[in-house]
Amino acid sequence: MTRNLDIALIRSFVTVAETSSMTAAANALHLTQGAVSQQIKRLEDAFGRPLFERNRRGLTLTNAGERLLGKARRLLGVNDEIWAELTTPAFTGEVRLGMPYDLVTTCLPPILKTYAQEYPHVDVSLVCLTSPLLAEAVAAGEIDLAIIEEPAGRSDGECLAIERLVWVGGKGGEAYLKRPLPLSILSDTCAFRPVVFDALRRAGIAWRTVFANGGGEAVTATVMTDLAVTAALAATAPPGLDVLAPQSGLPELATFAINLHLPRAPMTPVAQGLARHIRDSFVGQGRLKAA
């Protein structure tokens, strides 16, 4: 004859086993000690054998209790997973997320991976533009939300993290020593461009653009072959390149913020869910407003 386990009894059993105390388990479960004791007794009666024994150290598991504990934890895990999955709002639809090129290969993959697992019926359309163009797109309603790089300070966006803008060169390269300084940088609308040019101008360092108005891969290639230097957020500096030390003689660059920009118009539930997930992801990485 089929017998069904009572999840409430199993949860009490696992909590008592983990705390070695009826009192501590009762506090954790928000029950009385008597209620927890009764639940353990009902479970022991159902199995026809004791699950705990008392000694000077408190409660310890019997052999039967030891055999039950691992399976009981797995059972609770499946129970909680089913409950969470079936009670989470079933978002469906499409959301348009904007992000600059350099963040696509760094902070984006884990964010979208966990979001897709949580909301498998939502289609995310990714729009890659420079930060100033992304800000315009959000304001015009062309995208639902965007993660944008801006000089730290006042912004219409919500700060997710603070990152240093640094000089980057090829490993063991000498391009940073040349004058005029060979500079590889993205398009005219790149958020880093005016900051870099202003820093060089104030330092009295002449420069020439070796490569401009291209993609991130092309910029990385020119720097990797020591044809030029570039600027990047410290956390997104491409692998295979060196962050140049202050001793390089290049001027210090401004600190940037990674900001979440939302539209002025009411957001769809799907877009709100993605915005919430992005915030949680930055918090989970320990990067929220981190220097």
Protein backbone atom coordinates (compact mmCIF):
# COMPACT_ATOMS: atom_id res chain seq x y z
CA MET A 1 0.00 0.00 0.00
CA THR A 2 1.30 3.46 -0.96
CA ARG A 3 2.16 5.70 1.98
CA ASN A 4 2.80 9.43 1.67
CA LEU A 5 5.33 11.38 3.70
CA ASP A 6 4.20 14.54 5.46
CA ILE A 7 6.52 17.35 4.31
CA ALA A 8 5.91 19.29 7.54
CA LEU A 9 7.17 16.34 9.59
CA ILE A 10 10.20 15.94 7.32
CA ARG A 11 11.04 19.65 7.62
CA SER A 12 10.86 19.44 11.42
CA PHE A 13 13.07 16.33 11.39
CA VAL A 14 15.74 18.03 9.25
CA THR A 15 15.67 21.19 11.38
CA VAL A 16 16.05 19.21 14.61
CA ALA A 17 18.89 17.19 13.08
CA GLU A 18 20.71 20.35 11.99
CA THR A 19 20.27 22.17 15.31
CA SER A 20 20.54 19.14 17.66
CA SER A 21 17.82 20.76 19.76
CA MET A 22 14.04 20.69 19.89
CA THR A 23 14.04 24.22 21.30
CA ALA A 24 16.29 25.67 18.57
CA ALA A 25 14.29 23.85 15.89
CA ALA A 26 11.04 25.22 17.31
CA ASN A 27 12.42 28.77 17.18
CA ALA A 28 13.59 28.30 13.59
CA LEU A 29 10.22 26.87 12.52
CA HIS A 30 8.15 29.36 14.55
CA LEU A 31 6.47 26.52 16.42
CA THR A 32 6.29 25.54 20.06
CA GLN A 33 8.73 22.97 21.40
CA GLY A 34 5.78 20.69 22.17
CA ALA A 35 4.57 20.88 18.57
CA VAL A 36 8.00 19.95 17.21
CA SER A 37 8.29 17.05 19.70
CA GLN A 38 4.90 15.76 18.59
CA GLN A 39 5.89 15.96 14.93
CA ILE A 40 9.09 13.98 15.55
CA LYS A 41 7.10 11.38 17.52
CA ARG A 42 4.58 11.03 14.68
CA LEU A 43 7.40 10.49 12.20
CA GLU A 44 9.08 7.91 14.45
CA ASP A 45 5.74 6.11 14.94
CA ALA A 46 5.21 6.05 11.18
CA PHE A 47 8.62 4.45 10.60
CA GLY A 48 8.39 2.25 13.69
CA ARG A 49 11.85 3.19 14.95
CA PRO A 50 13.55 6.07 16.81
CA LEU A 51 15.28 8.76 14.80
CA PHE A 52 17.05 10.55 17.68
CA GLU A 53 18.68 9.59 20.94
CA ARG A 54 19.47 11.89 23.84
CA ASN A 55 22.91 12.27 25.44
CA ARG A 56 24.91 14.92 27.24
CA ARG A 57 25.53 16.79 23.98
CA GLY A 58 21.81 16.97 23.22
CA LEU A 59 20.07 15.12 20.44
CA THR A 60 21.99 12.89 18.04
CA LEU A 61 20.75 10.85 15.11
CA THR A 62 20.25 7.12 15.35
CA ASN A 63 21.35 4.90 12.47
CA ALA A 64 17.85 5.20 11.01
CA GLY A 65 17.99 8.97 11.41
CA GLU A 66 21.34 9.13 9.62
CA ARG A 67 19.93 7.14 6.70
CA LEU A 68 16.88 9.40 6.50
CA LEU A 69 18.66 12.78 6.71
CA GLY A 70 20.24 12.92 3.26
CA LYS A 71 17.08 11.78 1.47
CA ALA A 72 14.97 14.13 3.61
CA ARG A 73 17.09 17.11 2.53
CA ARG A 74 16.72 16.15 -1.13
CA LEU A 75 12.96 15.77 -0.68
CA LEU A 76 12.70 19.25 0.86
CA GLY A 77 14.83 20.66 -1.94
CA VAL A 78 12.51 19.26 -4.62
CA ASN A 79 9.45 20.41 -2.67
CA ASP A 80 10.79 23.96 -2.35
CA GLU A 81 11.88 24.05 -6.01
CA ILE A 82 8.42 22.99 -7.21
CA TRP A 83 6.74 25.52 -4.95
CA ALA A 84 8.97 28.38 -6.12
CA GLU A 85 8.60 27.45 -9.80
CA LEU A 86 4.83 27.22 -9.75
CA THR A 87 4.24 30.32 -7.64
CA THR A 88 6.68 32.61 -9.51
CA PRO A 89 4.80 34.99 -11.84
CA ALA A 90 4.75 33.39 -15.29
CA PHE A 91 6.28 36.26 -17.27
CA THR A 92 5.95 35.94 -21.03
CA GLY A 93 6.81 38.36 -23.79
CA GLU A 94 9.81 40.29 -25.01
CA VAL A 95 12.10 42.83 -23.36
CA ARG A 96 14.71 45.01 -25.09
CA LEU A 97 17.90 45.47 -23.07
CA GLY A 98 20.60 47.93 -24.10
CA MET A 99 24.24 47.55 -23.09
CA PRO A 100 27.61 48.89 -24.32
CA TYR A 101 29.91 46.52 -26.17
CA ASP A 102 32.51 46.11 -23.41
CA LEU A 103 29.95 44.92 -20.84
CA VAL A 104 28.48 42.28 -23.15
CA THR A 105 31.29 39.78 -22.58
CA THR A 106 31.85 40.58 -18.90
CA CYS A 107 28.81 41.16 -16.69
CA LEU A 108 26.06 40.26 -19.18
CA PRO A 109 26.42 36.45 -19.60
CA PRO A 110 25.77 35.44 -15.96
CA ILE A 111 22.92 37.95 -15.69
CA LEU A 112 21.10 36.67 -18.78
CA LYS A 113 21.80 33.02 -17.96
CA THR A 114 20.14 33.16 -14.56
CA TYR A 115 17.31 35.34 -15.91
CA ALA A 116 16.61 32.83 -18.69
CA GLN A 117 16.51 30.01 -16.15
CA GLU A 118 14.06 31.92 -13.96
CA TYR A 119 11.87 33.23 -16.81
CA PRO A 120 12.22 30.77 -19.71
CA HIS A 121 9.25 32.22 -21.60
CA VAL A 122 10.68 35.72 -21.90
CA ASP A 123 12.62 36.66 -25.05
CA VAL A 124 15.44 39.14 -24.39
CA SER A 125 16.51 41.27 -27.35
CA LEU A 126 19.96 42.74 -26.81
CA VAL A 127 20.81 46.14 -28.28
CA CYS A 128 24.54 46.99 -28.31
CA LEU A 129 25.37 50.67 -28.72
CA THR A 130 27.64 53.20 -27.09
CA SER A 131 26.37 54.59 -23.80
CA PRO A 132 25.23 58.03 -25.08
CA LEU A 133 23.21 56.36 -27.84
CA LEU A 134 21.69 53.93 -25.34
CA ALA A 135 20.56 56.82 -23.15
CA GLU A 136 18.85 58.38 -26.17
CA ALA A 137 17.21 55.07 -27.07
CA VAL A 138 15.76 54.63 -23.58
CA ALA A 139 14.43 58.20 -23.56
CA ALA A 140 12.83 57.68 -26.97
CA GLY A 141 11.20 54.40 -25.89
CA GLU A 142 13.15 52.39 -28.46
CA ILE A 143 14.44 50.00 -25.76
CA ASP A 144 12.93 49.02 -22.41
CA LEU A 145 15.98 49.55 -20.19
CA ALA A 146 19.74 49.91 -20.48
CA ILE A 147 22.96 49.49 -18.53
CA ILE A 148 25.03 52.57 -19.27
CA GLU A 149 28.57 53.73 -18.48
CA GLU A 150 28.83 57.36 -17.33
CA PRO A 151 31.33 59.48 -15.41
CA ALA A 152 30.56 59.02 -11.72
CA GLY A 153 28.35 61.75 -10.32
CA ARG A 154 24.89 63.05 -10.98
CA SER A 155 22.88 60.89 -13.36
CA ASP A 156 19.31 60.08 -14.29
CA GLY A 157 20.23 56.43 -13.83
CA GLU A 158 20.46 54.14 -10.82
CA CYS A 159 24.04 53.35 -9.82
CA LEU A 160 24.85 49.63 -9.93
CA ALA A 161 28.64 49.80 -9.58
CA ILE A 162 31.62 52.14 -9.62
CA GLU A 163 34.63 51.26 -11.76
CA ARG A 164 37.96 52.91 -12.53
CA LEU A 165 38.72 53.92 -16.10
CA VAL A 166 42.27 52.77 -16.80
CA TRP A 167 44.83 52.81 -19.58
CA VAL A 168 45.34 49.47 -21.29
CA GLY A 169 48.25 48.34 -23.48
CA GLY A 170 49.66 45.19 -25.02
CA LYS A 171 51.56 42.81 -22.78
CA GLY A 172 55.14 44.03 -22.58
CA GLY A 173 54.28 46.69 -25.13
CA GLU A 174 55.84 50.12 -25.58
CA ALA A 175 53.12 52.00 -27.44
CA TYR A 176 52.42 54.08 -24.33
CA LEU A 177 55.92 55.60 -24.61
CA LYS A 178 55.41 57.00 -28.10
CA ARG A 179 54.57 60.63 -28.85
CA PRO A 180 52.18 61.50 -30.23
CA LEU A 181 50.45 58.78 -28.21
CA PRO A 182 48.88 56.20 -30.57
CA LEU A 183 45.30 55.79 -29.42
CA SER A 184 42.75 53.15 -30.42
CA ILE A 185 39.24 54.02 -29.39
CA LEU A 186 35.64 53.35 -30.34
CA SER A 187 33.30 55.63 -32.25
CA ASP A 188 32.72 59.35 -31.75
CA THR A 189 29.85 58.54 -29.38
CA CYS A 190 31.96 56.40 -27.01
CA ALA A 191 31.47 57.61 -23.42
CA PHE A 192 35.20 57.24 -22.71
CA ARG A 193 36.35 59.35 -25.67
CA PRO A 194 35.85 62.90 -24.26
CA VAL A 195 37.23 61.85 -20.86
CA VAL A 196 40.38 60.39 -22.44
CA PHE A 197 40.96 63.35 -24.75
CA ASP A 198 40.42 65.84 -21.92
CA ALA A 199 42.91 64.02 -19.64
CA LEU A 200 45.56 63.99 -22.39
CA ARG A 201 44.93 67.64 -23.20
CA ARG A 202 45.33 68.68 -19.55
CA ALA A 203 48.52 66.61 -19.27
CA GLY A 204 49.94 68.23 -22.39
CA ILE A 205 50.31 64.91 -24.19
CA ALA A 206 49.76 64.92 -27.95
CA TRP A 207 47.93 61.93 -29.45
CA ARG A 208 46.88 60.45 -32.74
CA THR A 209 44.09 57.98 -33.38
CA VAL A 210 45.38 54.76 -34.90
CA PHE A 211 41.94 53.26 -35.12
CA ALA A 212 38.50 54.73 -34.58
CA ASN A 213 34.86 54.07 -35.29
CA GLY A 214 35.15 50.30 -35.13
CA GLY A 215 34.12 47.40 -32.94
CA GLY A 216 35.66 46.29 -29.68
CA GLU A 217 37.42 43.34 -31.29
CA ALA A 218 39.29 45.62 -33.68
CA VAL A 219 40.29 47.97 -30.85
CA THR A 220 41.61 45.01 -28.84
CA ALA A 221 43.55 43.73 -31.85
CA THR A 222 45.37 47.03 -32.41
CA VAL A 223 46.30 47.23 -28.72
CA MET A 224 47.36 43.58 -28.52
CA THR A 225 49.77 44.08 -31.43
CA ASP A 226 51.23 47.14 -29.63
CA LEU A 227 50.07 49.56 -32.30
CA ALA A 228 48.23 51.68 -29.75
CA VAL A 229 46.83 51.98 -26.23
CA THR A 230 43.21 52.33 -25.23
CA ALA A 231 41.07 53.00 -22.16
CA ALA A 232 38.70 50.55 -20.47
CA LEU A 233 36.94 49.99 -17.19
CA ALA A 234 39.26 48.05 -14.89
CA ALA A 235 36.77 45.20 -14.57
CA THR A 236 36.33 44.86 -18.33
CA ALA A 237 39.93 45.09 -19.53
CA PRO A 238 40.25 42.39 -22.21
CA PRO A 239 42.28 39.32 -21.25
CA GLY A 240 45.72 39.28 -22.82
CA LEU A 241 46.21 43.01 -22.28
CA ASP A 242 47.91 44.89 -19.44
CA VAL A 243 46.43 47.61 -17.27
CA LEU A 244 49.13 50.28 -17.35
CA ALA A 245 50.52 51.42 -14.01
CA PRO A 246 50.63 55.10 -12.95
CA GLN A 247 54.38 54.97 -13.66
CA SER A 248 53.56 54.76 -17.38
CA GLY A 249 53.39 58.55 -17.45
CA LEU A 250 49.82 58.65 -18.73
CA PRO A 251 47.34 60.84 -16.83
CA GLU A 252 44.86 59.44 -14.34
CA LEU A 253 41.40 58.95 -15.79
CA ALA A 254 37.98 59.65 -14.28
CA THR A 255 35.99 57.14 -12.31
CA PHE A 256 32.93 55.78 -14.10
CA ALA A 257 29.58 54.52 -12.87
CA ILE A 258 27.66 51.60 -14.35
CA ASN A 259 24.09 52.87 -14.19
CA LEU A 260 20.71 51.29 -14.84
CA HIS A 261 18.51 53.57 -16.95
CA LEU A 262 14.76 53.07 -17.06
CA PRO A 263 12.19 54.78 -19.29
CA ARG A 264 9.99 57.60 -18.03
CA ALA A 265 6.90 55.78 -19.29
CA PRO A 266 5.40 52.93 -17.22
CA MET A 267 7.35 49.71 -17.63
CA THR A 268 5.92 46.33 -18.55
CA PRO A 269 5.99 43.63 -15.85
CA VAL A 270 8.59 41.78 -17.91
CA ALA A 271 10.89 44.82 -18.04
CA GLN A 272 10.37 45.42 -14.31
CA GLY A 273 11.34 41.81 -13.65
CA LEU A 274 14.55 42.13 -15.68
CA ALA A 275 15.45 45.40 -13.93
CA ARG A 276 14.96 43.71 -10.56
CA HIS A 277 17.09 40.76 -11.69
CA ILE A 278 19.90 43.07 -12.86
CA ARG A 279 19.97 44.83 -9.47
CA ASP A 280 20.02 41.51 -7.63
CA SER A 281 22.81 40.21 -9.88
CA PHE A 282 25.09 43.16 -9.14
CA VAL A 283 24.39 42.78 -5.43
CA GLY A 284 25.12 39.06 -5.65
CA GLN A 285 28.47 39.76 -7.33
CA GLY A 286 29.35 42.10 -4.48
CA ARG A 287 29.77 44.92 -7.00
CA LEU A 288 26.86 47.18 -6.08
CA LYS A 289 28.33 50.69 -5.73
CA ALA A 290 31.72 49.12 -5.11
CA ALA A 291 34.82 51.20 -5.64
